[in-house]
């Protein structure tokens, strides 16, 4: 009878350990994110093209949602994002370079550059 109890206990422990072990996935970002276009020139005047849609991809699957950031909010900002895409809007009258960064949930990260010129 003792042997049966030990065997049952051992089976439960093995089953629990197996479910914990197989339930874990690696969440390390090793591939990096490619953002397209990698660089773009936009105007900053009222009659200029001031928006650009960026698309992110990796060799494998993107772990959505993506976190989109700009290096200088005085130059422009992300107006919307959905899936692997984000729309950037250049602030009127501002010139300079702004770095757009996308990061997925695995830590994969990439960037693109917006060069803003006067019209």
N, C-alpha and C. Protein backbone atom coordinates (compact mmCIF):
# COMPACT_ATOMS: atom_id res chain seq x y z
N UNK A 1 0.81 -1.19 0.00
CA UNK A 1 0.00 0.00 0.00
C UNK A 1 0.86 1.27 0.00
N UNK A 2 1.96 1.25 0.79
CA UNK A 2 2.86 2.40 0.82
C UNK A 2 3.47 2.64 -0.56
N UNK A 3 3.81 1.56 -1.24
CA UNK A 3 4.41 1.68 -2.56
C UNK A 3 3.44 2.36 -3.53
N UNK A 4 2.18 2.03 -3.46
CA UNK A 4 1.17 2.62 -4.33
C UNK A 4 1.04 4.12 -4.05
N UNK A 5 1.08 4.54 -2.76
CA UNK A 5 1.00 5.95 -2.40
C UNK A 5 2.20 6.71 -2.96
N UNK A 6 3.40 6.15 -2.80
CA UNK A 6 4.60 6.79 -3.31
C UNK A 6 4.57 6.91 -4.83
N UNK A 7 4.09 5.85 -5.47
CA UNK A 7 4.02 5.87 -6.93
C UNK A 7 3.03 6.93 -7.41
N UNK A 8 1.87 7.04 -6.76
CA UNK A 8 0.86 8.04 -7.12
C UNK A 8 1.41 9.45 -6.90
N UNK A 9 2.09 9.65 -5.79
CA UNK A 9 2.68 10.95 -5.48
C UNK A 9 3.75 11.32 -6.52
N UNK A 10 4.56 10.35 -6.89
CA UNK A 10 5.60 10.56 -7.89
C UNK A 10 4.98 10.93 -9.24
N UNK A 11 3.90 10.27 -9.61
CA UNK A 11 3.23 10.57 -10.88
C UNK A 11 2.70 12.00 -10.90
N UNK A 12 2.12 12.43 -9.81
CA UNK A 12 1.59 13.80 -9.72
C UNK A 12 2.73 14.81 -9.82
N UNK A 13 3.83 14.56 -9.14
CA UNK A 13 4.97 15.48 -9.17
C UNK A 13 5.57 15.56 -10.57
N UNK A 14 5.70 14.44 -11.25
CA UNK A 14 6.24 14.43 -12.61
C UNK A 14 5.32 15.19 -13.55
N UNK A 15 4.01 14.99 -13.40
CA UNK A 15 3.04 15.69 -14.26
C UNK A 15 3.11 17.20 -14.04
N UNK A 16 3.19 17.63 -12.79
CA UNK A 16 3.29 19.06 -12.50
C UNK A 16 4.58 19.65 -13.04
N UNK A 17 5.69 18.96 -12.82
CA UNK A 17 6.98 19.45 -13.31
C UNK A 17 6.97 19.54 -14.83
N UNK A 18 6.39 18.57 -15.49
CA UNK A 18 6.33 18.57 -16.95
C UNK A 18 5.49 19.72 -17.48
N UNK A 19 4.38 20.03 -16.82
CA UNK A 19 3.52 21.12 -17.29
C UNK A 19 4.20 22.47 -17.07
N UNK A 20 4.92 22.61 -15.98
CA UNK A 20 5.65 23.86 -15.73
C UNK A 20 6.78 24.00 -16.73
N UNK A 21 7.53 22.95 -16.96
CA UNK A 21 8.67 22.99 -17.87
C UNK A 21 8.26 23.31 -19.30
N UNK A 22 7.22 22.66 -19.81
CA UNK A 22 6.79 22.87 -21.19
C UNK A 22 6.01 24.16 -21.36
N UNK A 23 5.52 24.76 -20.28
CA UNK A 23 4.75 25.99 -20.38
C UNK A 23 5.61 27.23 -20.53
N UNK A 24 6.89 27.12 -20.38
CA UNK A 24 7.77 28.27 -20.46
C UNK A 24 8.33 28.40 -21.87
N UNK A 25 8.28 29.63 -22.39
CA UNK A 25 8.87 29.90 -23.69
C UNK A 25 10.01 30.90 -23.51
N UNK A 26 10.96 30.82 -24.39
CA UNK A 26 12.03 31.80 -24.38
C UNK A 26 11.46 33.14 -24.82
N UNK A 27 11.77 34.19 -24.11
CA UNK A 27 11.26 35.52 -24.46
C UNK A 27 12.41 36.48 -24.71
N UNK A 28 13.48 35.97 -25.25
CA UNK A 28 14.64 36.82 -25.51
C UNK A 28 14.60 37.30 -26.94
N UNK A 29 14.80 38.60 -27.13
CA UNK A 29 14.83 39.16 -28.47
C UNK A 29 16.22 39.04 -29.05
N UNK A 30 16.34 38.27 -30.12
CA UNK A 30 17.66 38.07 -30.70
C UNK A 30 17.72 38.49 -32.17
N UNK A 31 16.57 38.70 -32.80
CA UNK A 31 16.58 38.97 -34.24
C UNK A 31 16.61 40.45 -34.59
N UNK A 32 16.07 41.29 -33.78
CA UNK A 32 15.95 42.70 -34.11
C UNK A 32 14.76 42.92 -35.03
N UNK A 33 14.27 44.13 -35.03
CA UNK A 33 13.11 44.51 -35.84
C UNK A 33 13.59 45.35 -37.00
N UNK A 34 13.11 45.01 -38.20
CA UNK A 34 13.36 45.85 -39.38
C UNK A 34 12.17 46.77 -39.56
N UNK A 35 12.44 48.06 -39.67
CA UNK A 35 11.38 49.04 -39.89
C UNK A 35 11.51 49.57 -41.30
N UNK A 36 10.40 49.59 -42.00
CA UNK A 36 10.39 50.06 -43.37
C UNK A 36 9.43 51.24 -43.50
N UNK A 37 9.84 52.33 -44.13
CA UNK A 37 11.16 52.59 -44.66
C UNK A 37 12.17 52.87 -43.53
N UNK A 38 13.43 52.60 -43.81
CA UNK A 38 14.48 52.80 -42.82
C UNK A 38 14.78 54.28 -42.60
N UNK A 39 14.56 55.09 -43.64
CA UNK A 39 14.70 56.54 -43.51
C UNK A 39 13.76 57.21 -44.50
N UNK A 40 13.32 58.38 -44.12
CA UNK A 40 12.38 59.12 -44.96
C UNK A 40 12.59 60.61 -44.72
N UNK A 41 12.34 61.41 -45.76
CA UNK A 41 12.41 62.86 -45.64
C UNK A 41 11.00 63.42 -45.75
N UNK A 42 10.61 64.21 -44.76
CA UNK A 42 9.30 64.84 -44.75
C UNK A 42 9.46 66.34 -44.65
N UNK A 43 8.46 67.07 -45.14
CA UNK A 43 8.43 68.51 -44.96
C UNK A 43 7.80 68.85 -43.64
N UNK A 44 7.95 70.11 -43.22
CA UNK A 44 7.34 70.52 -41.97
C UNK A 44 6.39 71.69 -42.18
N UNK A 45 6.10 72.01 -43.44
CA UNK A 45 5.20 73.12 -43.75
C UNK A 45 3.76 72.65 -43.85
N UNK A 46 2.84 73.62 -43.88
CA UNK A 46 1.41 73.29 -43.93
C UNK A 46 1.03 72.58 -45.23
N UNK A 47 1.71 72.86 -46.33
CA UNK A 47 1.39 72.23 -47.61
C UNK A 47 2.30 71.05 -47.93
N UNK A 48 3.08 70.61 -46.97
CA UNK A 48 4.02 69.52 -47.18
C UNK A 48 3.40 68.18 -46.80
N UNK A 49 4.00 67.11 -47.31
CA UNK A 49 3.65 65.78 -46.83
C UNK A 49 4.31 65.63 -45.47
N UNK A 50 3.48 65.53 -44.43
CA UNK A 50 4.01 65.49 -43.07
C UNK A 50 3.76 64.16 -42.38
N UNK A 51 3.17 63.18 -43.07
CA UNK A 51 2.91 61.89 -42.44
C UNK A 51 3.64 60.77 -43.16
N UNK A 52 3.93 59.71 -42.42
CA UNK A 52 4.57 58.52 -42.97
C UNK A 52 4.11 57.31 -42.17
N UNK A 53 3.76 56.24 -42.89
CA UNK A 53 3.42 54.98 -42.24
C UNK A 53 4.67 54.11 -42.21
N UNK A 54 5.00 53.58 -41.04
CA UNK A 54 6.13 52.68 -40.86
C UNK A 54 5.60 51.27 -40.60
N UNK A 55 6.32 50.26 -41.12
CA UNK A 55 5.94 48.87 -40.92
C UNK A 55 7.13 48.13 -40.31
N UNK A 56 6.85 47.35 -39.26
CA UNK A 56 7.89 46.58 -38.57
C UNK A 56 7.76 45.11 -38.90
N UNK A 57 8.93 44.42 -38.99
CA UNK A 57 8.92 42.97 -39.18
C UNK A 57 10.20 42.37 -38.62
N UNK A 58 10.16 41.09 -38.30
CA UNK A 58 11.33 40.32 -37.87
C UNK A 58 11.37 39.05 -38.69
N UNK A 59 12.46 38.30 -38.59
CA UNK A 59 12.57 37.03 -39.32
C UNK A 59 11.48 36.05 -38.90
N UNK A 60 11.20 36.00 -37.62
CA UNK A 60 10.15 35.12 -37.09
C UNK A 60 8.87 35.90 -36.93
N UNK A 61 8.17 35.66 -35.85
CA UNK A 61 6.93 36.35 -35.56
C UNK A 61 7.18 37.54 -34.65
N UNK A 62 6.48 38.63 -34.91
CA UNK A 62 6.49 39.75 -34.00
C UNK A 62 5.62 39.41 -32.79
N UNK A 63 6.08 39.76 -31.62
CA UNK A 63 5.29 39.57 -30.42
C UNK A 63 4.53 40.87 -30.16
N UNK A 64 3.32 40.92 -30.67
CA UNK A 64 2.50 42.13 -30.56
C UNK A 64 1.91 42.23 -29.16
N UNK A 65 1.60 43.40 -28.67
CA UNK A 65 1.65 44.68 -29.36
C UNK A 65 3.05 45.26 -29.37
N UNK A 66 3.30 46.11 -30.35
CA UNK A 66 4.57 46.82 -30.44
C UNK A 66 4.51 48.10 -29.63
N UNK A 67 5.65 48.50 -29.12
CA UNK A 67 5.78 49.79 -28.45
C UNK A 67 6.53 50.71 -29.40
N UNK A 68 5.88 51.79 -29.83
CA UNK A 68 6.48 52.75 -30.75
C UNK A 68 6.87 54.01 -29.97
N UNK A 69 8.07 54.53 -30.25
CA UNK A 69 8.56 55.74 -29.58
C UNK A 69 9.25 56.65 -30.60
N UNK A 70 9.29 57.94 -30.29
CA UNK A 70 10.07 58.89 -31.07
C UNK A 70 11.12 59.49 -30.13
N UNK A 71 12.27 59.85 -30.70
CA UNK A 71 13.34 60.39 -29.86
C UNK A 71 13.10 61.84 -29.47
N UNK A 72 12.33 62.59 -30.28
CA UNK A 72 12.12 64.01 -30.01
C UNK A 72 10.67 64.37 -30.32
N UNK A 73 9.84 64.47 -29.29
CA UNK A 73 8.43 64.77 -29.50
C UNK A 73 8.19 66.21 -29.98
N UNK A 74 9.19 67.07 -29.87
CA UNK A 74 9.05 68.43 -30.41
C UNK A 74 9.02 68.41 -31.94
N UNK A 75 9.63 67.36 -32.54
CA UNK A 75 9.65 67.25 -34.01
C UNK A 75 8.42 66.56 -34.57
N UNK A 76 7.89 65.57 -33.85
CA UNK A 76 6.75 64.82 -34.34
C UNK A 76 6.36 63.73 -33.37
N UNK A 77 5.30 62.99 -33.74
CA UNK A 77 4.82 61.95 -32.84
C UNK A 77 4.09 60.86 -33.62
N UNK A 78 3.90 59.73 -32.95
CA UNK A 78 3.12 58.63 -33.51
C UNK A 78 1.66 58.96 -33.27
N UNK A 79 0.87 59.06 -34.35
CA UNK A 79 -0.54 59.40 -34.19
C UNK A 79 -1.40 58.17 -33.98
N UNK A 80 -0.99 57.03 -34.54
CA UNK A 80 -1.74 55.80 -34.35
C UNK A 80 -0.85 54.61 -34.65
N UNK A 81 -1.21 53.47 -34.09
CA UNK A 81 -0.49 52.23 -34.38
C UNK A 81 -1.47 51.07 -34.30
N UNK A 82 -1.24 50.09 -35.17
CA UNK A 82 -2.09 48.91 -35.20
C UNK A 82 -1.30 47.77 -35.80
N UNK A 83 -1.24 46.64 -35.10
CA UNK A 83 -0.48 45.50 -35.60
C UNK A 83 0.98 45.88 -35.75
N UNK A 84 1.52 45.73 -36.95
CA UNK A 84 2.93 46.03 -37.21
C UNK A 84 3.14 47.41 -37.81
N UNK A 85 2.09 48.24 -37.87
CA UNK A 85 2.18 49.55 -38.51
C UNK A 85 1.98 50.69 -37.52
N UNK A 86 2.63 51.82 -37.83
CA UNK A 86 2.45 53.04 -37.05
C UNK A 86 2.52 54.22 -38.00
N UNK A 87 1.74 55.26 -37.69
CA UNK A 87 1.73 56.48 -38.50
C UNK A 87 2.40 57.61 -37.72
N UNK A 88 3.36 58.24 -38.37
CA UNK A 88 4.12 59.35 -37.78
C UNK A 88 3.63 60.65 -38.40
N UNK A 89 3.51 61.70 -37.59
CA UNK A 89 3.14 63.03 -38.06
C UNK A 89 4.22 64.01 -37.64
N UNK A 90 4.81 64.70 -38.64
CA UNK A 90 5.82 65.73 -38.37
C UNK A 90 5.10 66.98 -37.87
N UNK A 91 5.61 67.59 -36.81
CA UNK A 91 5.02 68.83 -36.29
C UNK A 91 5.35 69.97 -37.24
N UNK A 92 4.36 70.82 -37.46
CA UNK A 92 4.50 71.93 -38.40
C UNK A 92 5.60 72.89 -37.95
N UNK A 93 6.45 73.29 -38.91
CA UNK A 93 7.49 74.28 -38.65
C UNK A 93 8.73 73.75 -37.94
N UNK A 94 8.80 72.46 -37.66
CA UNK A 94 9.95 71.90 -36.95
C UNK A 94 10.86 71.15 -37.91
N UNK A 95 12.16 71.36 -37.77
CA UNK A 95 13.13 70.68 -38.63
C UNK A 95 14.13 69.91 -37.78
N UNK A 96 14.69 68.87 -38.37
CA UNK A 96 15.68 68.06 -37.67
C UNK A 96 15.45 66.59 -37.94
N UNK A 97 16.23 65.75 -37.27
CA UNK A 97 16.12 64.30 -37.42
C UNK A 97 15.43 63.71 -36.20
N UNK A 98 14.50 62.80 -36.44
CA UNK A 98 13.78 62.14 -35.36
C UNK A 98 13.91 60.63 -35.55
N UNK A 99 14.30 59.93 -34.50
CA UNK A 99 14.47 58.48 -34.57
C UNK A 99 13.18 57.82 -34.08
N UNK A 100 12.63 56.95 -34.92
CA UNK A 100 11.42 56.18 -34.60
C UNK A 100 11.89 54.79 -34.16
N UNK A 101 11.41 54.32 -33.02
CA UNK A 101 11.82 53.02 -32.50
C UNK A 101 10.59 52.16 -32.26
N UNK A 102 10.70 50.87 -32.66
CA UNK A 102 9.65 49.89 -32.38
C UNK A 102 10.27 48.75 -31.60
N UNK A 103 9.55 48.30 -30.56
CA UNK A 103 10.03 47.20 -29.73
C UNK A 103 8.87 46.23 -29.54
N UNK A 104 9.15 44.92 -29.76
CA UNK A 104 8.08 43.93 -29.55
C UNK A 104 8.17 43.36 -28.14
N UNK A 105 7.25 42.48 -27.80
CA UNK A 105 7.14 41.95 -26.44
C UNK A 105 8.27 40.98 -26.08
N UNK A 106 9.05 40.52 -27.07
CA UNK A 106 10.20 39.66 -26.79
C UNK A 106 11.48 40.48 -26.62
N UNK A 107 11.39 41.79 -26.79
CA UNK A 107 12.56 42.65 -26.66
C UNK A 107 13.26 42.93 -27.98
N UNK A 108 12.75 42.38 -29.10
CA UNK A 108 13.30 42.72 -30.41
C UNK A 108 13.05 44.20 -30.66
N UNK A 109 14.05 44.89 -31.19
CA UNK A 109 13.94 46.33 -31.35
C UNK A 109 14.59 46.78 -32.64
N UNK A 110 14.06 47.84 -33.22
CA UNK A 110 14.63 48.42 -34.43
C UNK A 110 14.27 49.88 -34.52
N UNK A 111 14.91 50.59 -35.45
CA UNK A 111 14.65 52.01 -35.57
C UNK A 111 14.72 52.48 -37.01
N UNK A 112 14.14 53.63 -37.24
CA UNK A 112 14.15 54.31 -38.54
C UNK A 112 14.36 55.80 -38.25
N UNK A 113 14.72 56.55 -39.30
CA UNK A 113 14.99 57.97 -39.12
C UNK A 113 14.07 58.81 -40.02
N UNK A 114 13.48 59.85 -39.41
CA UNK A 114 12.70 60.83 -40.16
C UNK A 114 13.52 62.10 -40.21
N UNK A 115 13.82 62.56 -41.43
CA UNK A 115 14.52 63.83 -41.61
C UNK A 115 13.48 64.86 -42.01
N UNK A 116 13.30 65.88 -41.18
CA UNK A 116 12.30 66.91 -41.44
C UNK A 116 12.96 68.17 -41.94
N UNK A 117 12.46 68.66 -43.08
CA UNK A 117 13.02 69.85 -43.72
C UNK A 117 11.95 70.93 -43.83
N UNK A 118 12.39 72.14 -43.95
CA UNK A 118 11.46 73.23 -44.23
C UNK A 118 11.00 73.11 -45.68
N UNK A 119 9.79 73.51 -45.94
CA UNK A 119 9.27 73.39 -47.32
C UNK A 119 10.01 74.29 -48.30
